[in-house]
């Protein structure tokens, strides 16, 4: 089995056609057997991307609403979500001290780093990080 940690820029490709959409749709297909992991903040970031496309005119209000409904369904039923808590926020804060990261990118990276040890101890599941 393969587990994919998807940041928002990668995940939005599942819902809005752009370069890389076919690959994301293939790995997120239920028949693939892949595990999909996201940070809780991905909800906000993907919603922001959808709203921006609607404001810019590449998505109409109806399509944006349908995409949001589909994303909410997938969030509740398909994704394993890493919750933002005080420890994760502290670790993200340390990352911005060490690296030139934006705030949400630091939270994404801290989320990945939180789960990475669980995958390094097992040979049966490979963890892949995918950003845009």
N, C-alpha and C. Protein backbone atom coordinates (compact mmCIF):
# COMPACT_ATOMS: atom_id res chain seq x y z
N UNK A 1 0.84 -1.18 0.00
CA UNK A 1 0.00 0.00 0.00
C UNK A 1 0.89 1.25 0.00
N UNK A 2 0.37 2.30 -0.60
CA UNK A 2 1.08 3.58 -0.62
C UNK A 2 0.21 4.63 0.06
N UNK A 3 0.83 5.43 0.89
CA UNK A 3 0.15 6.54 1.53
C UNK A 3 0.70 7.83 0.93
N UNK A 4 -0.20 8.73 0.60
CA UNK A 4 0.18 10.01 0.02
C UNK A 4 -0.23 11.13 0.96
N UNK A 5 0.75 11.96 1.33
CA UNK A 5 0.44 13.19 2.03
C UNK A 5 0.34 14.26 0.96
N UNK A 6 -0.85 14.82 0.81
CA UNK A 6 -1.10 15.79 -0.26
C UNK A 6 -1.27 17.18 0.33
N UNK A 7 -0.44 18.11 -0.13
CA UNK A 7 -0.68 19.48 0.29
C UNK A 7 -1.78 20.07 -0.59
N UNK A 8 -2.20 21.25 -0.26
CA UNK A 8 -3.36 21.86 -0.91
C UNK A 8 -3.16 22.08 -2.40
N UNK A 9 -1.98 22.52 -2.79
CA UNK A 9 -1.75 22.79 -4.21
C UNK A 9 -1.82 21.52 -5.05
N UNK A 10 -1.48 20.39 -4.46
CA UNK A 10 -1.63 19.12 -5.17
C UNK A 10 -3.09 18.66 -5.15
N UNK A 11 -3.73 18.77 -3.99
CA UNK A 11 -5.08 18.25 -3.85
C UNK A 11 -6.10 19.01 -4.69
N UNK A 12 -5.91 20.31 -4.85
CA UNK A 12 -6.88 21.09 -5.63
C UNK A 12 -6.97 20.58 -7.07
N UNK A 13 -5.91 19.96 -7.55
CA UNK A 13 -5.90 19.41 -8.91
C UNK A 13 -6.91 18.27 -9.06
N UNK A 14 -7.31 17.66 -7.98
CA UNK A 14 -8.33 16.62 -8.04
C UNK A 14 -9.69 17.20 -8.39
N UNK A 15 -9.90 18.43 -8.04
CA UNK A 15 -11.22 19.05 -8.17
C UNK A 15 -11.30 20.08 -9.29
N UNK A 16 -10.18 20.67 -9.66
CA UNK A 16 -10.14 21.69 -10.70
C UNK A 16 -9.13 21.24 -11.76
N UNK A 17 -9.55 21.07 -12.99
CA UNK A 17 -8.63 20.60 -14.03
C UNK A 17 -7.46 21.55 -14.25
N UNK A 18 -6.27 21.00 -14.15
CA UNK A 18 -5.04 21.73 -14.44
C UNK A 18 -3.93 20.70 -14.60
N UNK A 19 -2.76 21.13 -14.92
CA UNK A 19 -1.63 20.22 -15.08
C UNK A 19 -1.46 19.40 -13.81
N UNK A 20 -1.42 18.10 -13.96
CA UNK A 20 -1.26 17.20 -12.83
C UNK A 20 -2.56 16.58 -12.35
N UNK A 21 -3.70 17.03 -12.87
CA UNK A 21 -4.99 16.52 -12.42
C UNK A 21 -5.16 15.02 -12.67
N UNK A 22 -4.73 14.54 -13.80
CA UNK A 22 -4.89 13.12 -14.12
C UNK A 22 -4.15 12.25 -13.11
N UNK A 23 -2.96 12.65 -12.75
CA UNK A 23 -2.17 11.87 -11.79
C UNK A 23 -2.84 11.85 -10.41
N UNK A 24 -3.28 13.01 -9.94
CA UNK A 24 -3.93 13.09 -8.63
C UNK A 24 -5.22 12.28 -8.63
N UNK A 25 -5.97 12.36 -9.70
CA UNK A 25 -7.21 11.59 -9.77
C UNK A 25 -6.93 10.09 -9.76
N UNK A 26 -5.85 9.69 -10.42
CA UNK A 26 -5.50 8.26 -10.45
C UNK A 26 -5.11 7.75 -9.06
N UNK A 27 -4.30 8.50 -8.34
CA UNK A 27 -3.88 8.00 -7.02
C UNK A 27 -4.98 8.12 -5.98
N UNK A 28 -5.97 9.00 -6.24
CA UNK A 28 -7.05 9.17 -5.27
C UNK A 28 -8.28 8.33 -5.59
N UNK A 29 -8.24 7.61 -6.68
CA UNK A 29 -9.34 6.72 -7.02
C UNK A 29 -9.49 5.66 -5.92
N UNK A 30 -10.71 5.41 -5.50
CA UNK A 30 -10.94 4.45 -4.42
C UNK A 30 -10.38 3.07 -4.73
N UNK A 31 -10.41 2.67 -6.01
CA UNK A 31 -9.91 1.36 -6.40
C UNK A 31 -8.39 1.25 -6.30
N UNK A 32 -7.69 2.38 -6.17
CA UNK A 32 -6.23 2.35 -6.09
C UNK A 32 -5.74 1.74 -4.78
N UNK A 33 -6.57 1.81 -3.74
CA UNK A 33 -6.16 1.29 -2.44
C UNK A 33 -5.20 2.19 -1.70
N UNK A 34 -4.94 3.37 -2.23
CA UNK A 34 -4.01 4.29 -1.59
C UNK A 34 -4.66 4.96 -0.39
N UNK A 35 -3.83 5.31 0.55
CA UNK A 35 -4.26 6.09 1.70
C UNK A 35 -3.91 7.55 1.41
N UNK A 36 -4.86 8.45 1.63
CA UNK A 36 -4.65 9.87 1.36
C UNK A 36 -4.70 10.64 2.67
N UNK A 37 -3.64 11.38 2.93
CA UNK A 37 -3.50 12.10 4.20
C UNK A 37 -3.37 13.58 3.89
N UNK A 38 -4.12 14.38 4.64
CA UNK A 38 -4.04 15.83 4.48
C UNK A 38 -4.02 16.49 5.85
N UNK A 39 -3.53 17.72 5.88
CA UNK A 39 -3.59 18.53 7.09
C UNK A 39 -4.97 19.19 7.17
N UNK A 40 -5.45 19.45 8.37
CA UNK A 40 -6.77 20.07 8.55
C UNK A 40 -6.86 21.40 7.78
N UNK A 41 -5.77 22.15 7.72
CA UNK A 41 -5.82 23.46 7.04
C UNK A 41 -6.03 23.33 5.54
N UNK A 42 -5.90 22.14 5.01
CA UNK A 42 -6.12 21.93 3.58
C UNK A 42 -7.55 22.31 3.21
N UNK A 43 -8.48 22.13 4.13
CA UNK A 43 -9.87 22.54 3.88
C UNK A 43 -9.92 24.03 3.53
N UNK A 44 -9.25 24.84 4.29
CA UNK A 44 -9.25 26.29 4.07
C UNK A 44 -8.52 26.64 2.78
N UNK A 45 -7.39 26.03 2.56
CA UNK A 45 -6.59 26.36 1.38
C UNK A 45 -7.28 25.95 0.07
N UNK A 46 -7.88 24.78 0.03
CA UNK A 46 -8.58 24.35 -1.19
C UNK A 46 -9.81 25.22 -1.40
N UNK A 47 -10.56 25.52 -0.34
CA UNK A 47 -11.71 26.43 -0.47
C UNK A 47 -11.27 27.79 -1.00
N UNK A 48 -10.13 28.26 -0.55
CA UNK A 48 -9.60 29.53 -1.03
C UNK A 48 -9.29 29.47 -2.52
N UNK A 49 -8.70 28.37 -2.97
CA UNK A 49 -8.38 28.21 -4.39
C UNK A 49 -9.64 28.17 -5.24
N UNK A 50 -10.67 27.51 -4.74
CA UNK A 50 -11.94 27.44 -5.47
C UNK A 50 -12.57 28.83 -5.54
N UNK A 51 -12.59 29.54 -4.42
CA UNK A 51 -13.18 30.89 -4.38
C UNK A 51 -12.42 31.85 -5.30
N UNK A 52 -11.09 31.73 -5.32
CA UNK A 52 -10.29 32.59 -6.19
C UNK A 52 -10.63 32.34 -7.65
N UNK A 53 -10.75 31.08 -8.03
CA UNK A 53 -11.11 30.75 -9.41
C UNK A 53 -12.51 31.27 -9.76
N UNK A 54 -13.40 31.23 -8.80
CA UNK A 54 -14.75 31.77 -9.04
C UNK A 54 -14.69 33.29 -9.23
N UNK A 55 -13.94 33.98 -8.38
CA UNK A 55 -13.81 35.43 -8.52
C UNK A 55 -13.17 35.82 -9.86
N UNK A 56 -12.20 35.01 -10.29
CA UNK A 56 -11.50 35.30 -11.55
C UNK A 56 -12.30 34.89 -12.77
N UNK A 57 -13.37 34.12 -12.58
CA UNK A 57 -14.24 33.77 -13.68
C UNK A 57 -13.97 32.43 -14.35
N UNK A 58 -12.98 31.66 -13.86
CA UNK A 58 -12.73 30.36 -14.48
C UNK A 58 -13.66 29.27 -13.93
N UNK A 59 -14.38 29.56 -12.84
CA UNK A 59 -15.42 28.68 -12.31
C UNK A 59 -16.67 29.52 -12.08
N UNK A 60 -17.81 28.99 -12.49
CA UNK A 60 -19.05 29.69 -12.16
C UNK A 60 -19.50 29.27 -10.77
N UNK A 61 -20.48 29.96 -10.23
CA UNK A 61 -20.92 29.72 -8.86
C UNK A 61 -21.46 28.30 -8.67
N UNK A 62 -22.13 27.78 -9.67
CA UNK A 62 -22.68 26.43 -9.58
C UNK A 62 -21.57 25.38 -9.53
N UNK A 63 -20.58 25.52 -10.42
CA UNK A 63 -19.46 24.57 -10.42
C UNK A 63 -18.66 24.67 -9.12
N UNK A 64 -18.44 25.89 -8.65
CA UNK A 64 -17.70 26.07 -7.40
C UNK A 64 -18.43 25.41 -6.24
N UNK A 65 -19.74 25.53 -6.21
CA UNK A 65 -20.54 24.91 -5.16
C UNK A 65 -20.46 23.38 -5.23
N UNK A 66 -20.57 22.83 -6.43
CA UNK A 66 -20.48 21.38 -6.60
C UNK A 66 -19.10 20.85 -6.20
N UNK A 67 -18.06 21.57 -6.57
CA UNK A 67 -16.69 21.17 -6.21
C UNK A 67 -16.53 21.19 -4.70
N UNK A 68 -17.05 22.22 -4.06
CA UNK A 68 -16.95 22.32 -2.60
C UNK A 68 -17.70 21.18 -1.93
N UNK A 69 -18.88 20.84 -2.43
CA UNK A 69 -19.64 19.72 -1.87
C UNK A 69 -18.88 18.40 -2.02
N UNK A 70 -18.29 18.21 -3.19
CA UNK A 70 -17.52 16.98 -3.43
C UNK A 70 -16.31 16.91 -2.52
N UNK A 71 -15.62 18.05 -2.36
CA UNK A 71 -14.46 18.10 -1.48
C UNK A 71 -14.87 17.80 -0.04
N UNK A 72 -15.99 18.37 0.41
CA UNK A 72 -16.46 18.11 1.78
C UNK A 72 -16.76 16.61 1.97
N UNK A 73 -17.41 16.01 0.98
CA UNK A 73 -17.71 14.58 1.05
C UNK A 73 -16.41 13.77 1.16
N UNK A 74 -15.44 14.07 0.31
CA UNK A 74 -14.15 13.36 0.34
C UNK A 74 -13.43 13.60 1.66
N UNK A 75 -13.50 14.82 2.17
CA UNK A 75 -12.86 15.14 3.44
C UNK A 75 -13.44 14.27 4.56
N UNK A 76 -14.74 14.10 4.55
CA UNK A 76 -15.40 13.33 5.60
C UNK A 76 -15.29 11.82 5.41
N UNK A 77 -15.00 11.37 4.18
CA UNK A 77 -15.07 9.94 3.90
C UNK A 77 -13.80 9.28 3.38
N UNK A 78 -12.90 10.06 2.82
CA UNK A 78 -11.75 9.42 2.19
C UNK A 78 -10.41 9.82 2.79
N UNK A 79 -10.29 11.04 3.25
CA UNK A 79 -8.99 11.53 3.71
C UNK A 79 -8.77 11.25 5.19
N UNK A 80 -7.53 10.92 5.51
CA UNK A 80 -7.11 10.90 6.90
C UNK A 80 -6.60 12.31 7.18
N UNK A 81 -7.12 12.93 8.22
CA UNK A 81 -6.83 14.34 8.47
C UNK A 81 -5.93 14.48 9.69
N UNK A 82 -4.84 15.21 9.51
CA UNK A 82 -3.95 15.54 10.62
C UNK A 82 -4.47 16.83 11.24
N UNK A 83 -4.87 16.75 12.50
CA UNK A 83 -5.47 17.90 13.17
C UNK A 83 -4.41 18.88 13.63
N UNK A 84 -4.77 20.14 13.58
CA UNK A 84 -3.90 21.20 14.08
C UNK A 84 -4.13 21.34 15.58
N UNK A 85 -3.09 21.08 16.34
CA UNK A 85 -3.17 21.25 17.78
C UNK A 85 -1.99 22.12 18.22
N UNK A 86 -1.87 22.34 19.51
CA UNK A 86 -0.84 23.26 20.00
C UNK A 86 0.58 22.76 19.70
N UNK A 87 0.79 21.46 19.78
CA UNK A 87 2.13 20.91 19.51
C UNK A 87 2.48 21.08 18.04
N UNK A 88 1.54 20.79 17.16
CA UNK A 88 1.80 20.95 15.73
C UNK A 88 2.04 22.43 15.40
N UNK A 89 1.28 23.32 16.01
CA UNK A 89 1.48 24.76 15.79
C UNK A 89 2.87 25.19 16.28
N UNK A 90 3.29 24.68 17.42
CA UNK A 90 4.64 25.01 17.92
C UNK A 90 5.72 24.50 16.96
N UNK A 91 5.55 23.28 16.47
CA UNK A 91 6.52 22.74 15.52
C UNK A 91 6.54 23.53 14.22
N UNK A 92 5.38 23.96 13.76
CA UNK A 92 5.33 24.81 12.56
C UNK A 92 6.05 26.14 12.82
N UNK A 93 5.87 26.68 14.02
CA UNK A 93 6.57 27.91 14.38
C UNK A 93 8.08 27.74 14.36
N UNK A 94 8.57 26.61 14.81
CA UNK A 94 10.00 26.33 14.76
C UNK A 94 10.48 26.22 13.31
N UNK A 95 9.65 25.64 12.46
CA UNK A 95 10.04 25.51 11.05
C UNK A 95 10.19 26.86 10.36
N UNK A 96 9.32 27.82 10.69
CA UNK A 96 9.46 29.15 10.05
C UNK A 96 10.69 29.88 10.57
N UNK A 97 11.16 29.52 11.76
CA UNK A 97 12.42 30.09 12.26
C UNK A 97 13.61 29.53 11.49
N UNK A 98 13.51 28.28 11.06
CA UNK A 98 14.62 27.60 10.41
C UNK A 98 14.64 27.75 8.90
N UNK A 99 13.46 27.87 8.30
CA UNK A 99 13.35 27.86 6.84
C UNK A 99 12.45 29.00 6.36
N UNK A 100 12.65 29.47 5.15
CA UNK A 100 11.81 30.56 4.62
C UNK A 100 10.45 30.04 4.13
N UNK A 101 9.62 29.64 5.07
CA UNK A 101 8.31 29.07 4.75
C UNK A 101 7.20 30.07 5.05
N UNK A 102 6.14 29.99 4.25
CA UNK A 102 4.91 30.71 4.60
C UNK A 102 4.25 29.94 5.73
N UNK A 103 3.36 30.61 6.43
CA UNK A 103 2.75 30.03 7.63
C UNK A 103 2.06 28.70 7.34
N UNK A 104 1.16 28.69 6.35
CA UNK A 104 0.43 27.45 6.07
C UNK A 104 1.35 26.37 5.51
N UNK A 105 2.39 26.74 4.78
CA UNK A 105 3.35 25.74 4.30
C UNK A 105 4.07 25.10 5.49
N UNK A 106 4.35 25.90 6.51
CA UNK A 106 4.99 25.35 7.71
C UNK A 106 4.06 24.38 8.43
N UNK A 107 2.77 24.69 8.47
CA UNK A 107 1.80 23.79 9.10
C UNK A 107 1.69 22.50 8.29
N UNK A 108 1.69 22.61 6.97
CA UNK A 108 1.66 21.41 6.12
C UNK A 108 2.89 20.54 6.41
N UNK A 109 4.07 21.16 6.43
CA UNK A 109 5.30 20.41 6.66
C UNK A 109 5.32 19.80 8.06
N UNK A 110 4.89 20.54 9.05
CA UNK A 110 4.84 20.01 10.42
C UNK A 110 3.87 18.82 10.50
N UNK A 111 2.79 18.87 9.75
CA UNK A 111 1.83 17.76 9.71
C UNK A 111 2.49 16.52 9.12
N UNK A 112 3.20 16.70 8.03
CA UNK A 112 3.91 15.58 7.42
C UNK A 112 4.95 15.01 8.38
N UNK A 113 5.72 15.88 9.00
CA UNK A 113 6.76 15.42 9.93
C UNK A 113 6.16 14.67 11.13
N UNK A 114 4.94 15.03 11.51
CA UNK A 114 4.27 14.34 12.62
C UNK A 114 4.02 12.87 12.30
N UNK A 115 3.61 12.59 11.08
CA UNK A 115 3.24 11.21 10.73
C UNK A 115 4.39 10.41 10.15
N UNK A 116 5.43 11.07 9.70
CA UNK A 116 6.54 10.38 9.03
C UNK A 116 7.15 9.24 9.85
N UNK A 117 7.37 9.40 11.14
CA UNK A 117 7.98 8.29 11.91
C UNK A 117 7.17 6.99 11.84
N UNK A 118 5.87 7.08 11.78
CA UNK A 118 5.05 5.87 11.71
C UNK A 118 5.31 5.08 10.44
N UNK A 119 5.69 5.76 9.38
CA UNK A 119 5.94 5.09 8.12
C UNK A 119 7.39 4.62 7.98
N UNK A 120 8.29 5.22 8.72
CA UNK A 120 9.69 4.81 8.60
C UNK A 120 9.96 3.50 9.34
N UNK A 121 9.03 3.08 10.20
CA UNK A 121 9.23 1.84 10.95
C UNK A 121 8.58 0.63 10.28
N UNK A 122 7.87 0.86 9.19
CA UNK A 122 7.20 -0.25 8.52
C UNK A 122 7.65 -0.34 7.07
N UNK A 123 7.81 -1.53 6.62
CA UNK A 123 8.20 -1.76 5.23
C UNK A 123 6.98 -1.91 4.32
N UNK A 124 5.82 -2.13 4.91
CA UNK A 124 4.64 -2.47 4.11
C UNK A 124 3.95 -1.25 3.48
N UNK A 125 4.19 -0.06 4.01
CA UNK A 125 3.54 1.14 3.48
C UNK A 125 4.59 2.21 3.20
N UNK A 126 4.53 2.74 2.02
CA UNK A 126 5.44 3.80 1.61
C UNK A 126 4.70 5.13 1.70
N UNK A 127 5.32 6.14 2.33
CA UNK A 127 4.74 7.47 2.44
C UNK A 127 5.36 8.37 1.39
N UNK A 128 4.51 9.01 0.59
CA UNK A 128 4.96 9.93 -0.46
C UNK A 128 4.34 11.29 -0.20
N UNK A 129 5.17 12.30 -0.21
CA UNK A 129 4.70 13.68 -0.06
C UNK A 129 4.54 14.28 -1.44
N UNK A 130 3.38 14.85 -1.69
CA UNK A 130 3.13 15.47 -2.99
C UNK A 130 2.65 16.89 -2.80
N UNK A 131 3.43 17.81 -3.35
CA UNK A 131 2.98 19.19 -3.43
C UNK A 131 2.82 19.51 -4.89
N UNK A 132 2.53 20.73 -5.20
CA UNK A 132 2.24 21.08 -6.59
C UNK A 132 3.35 20.62 -7.48
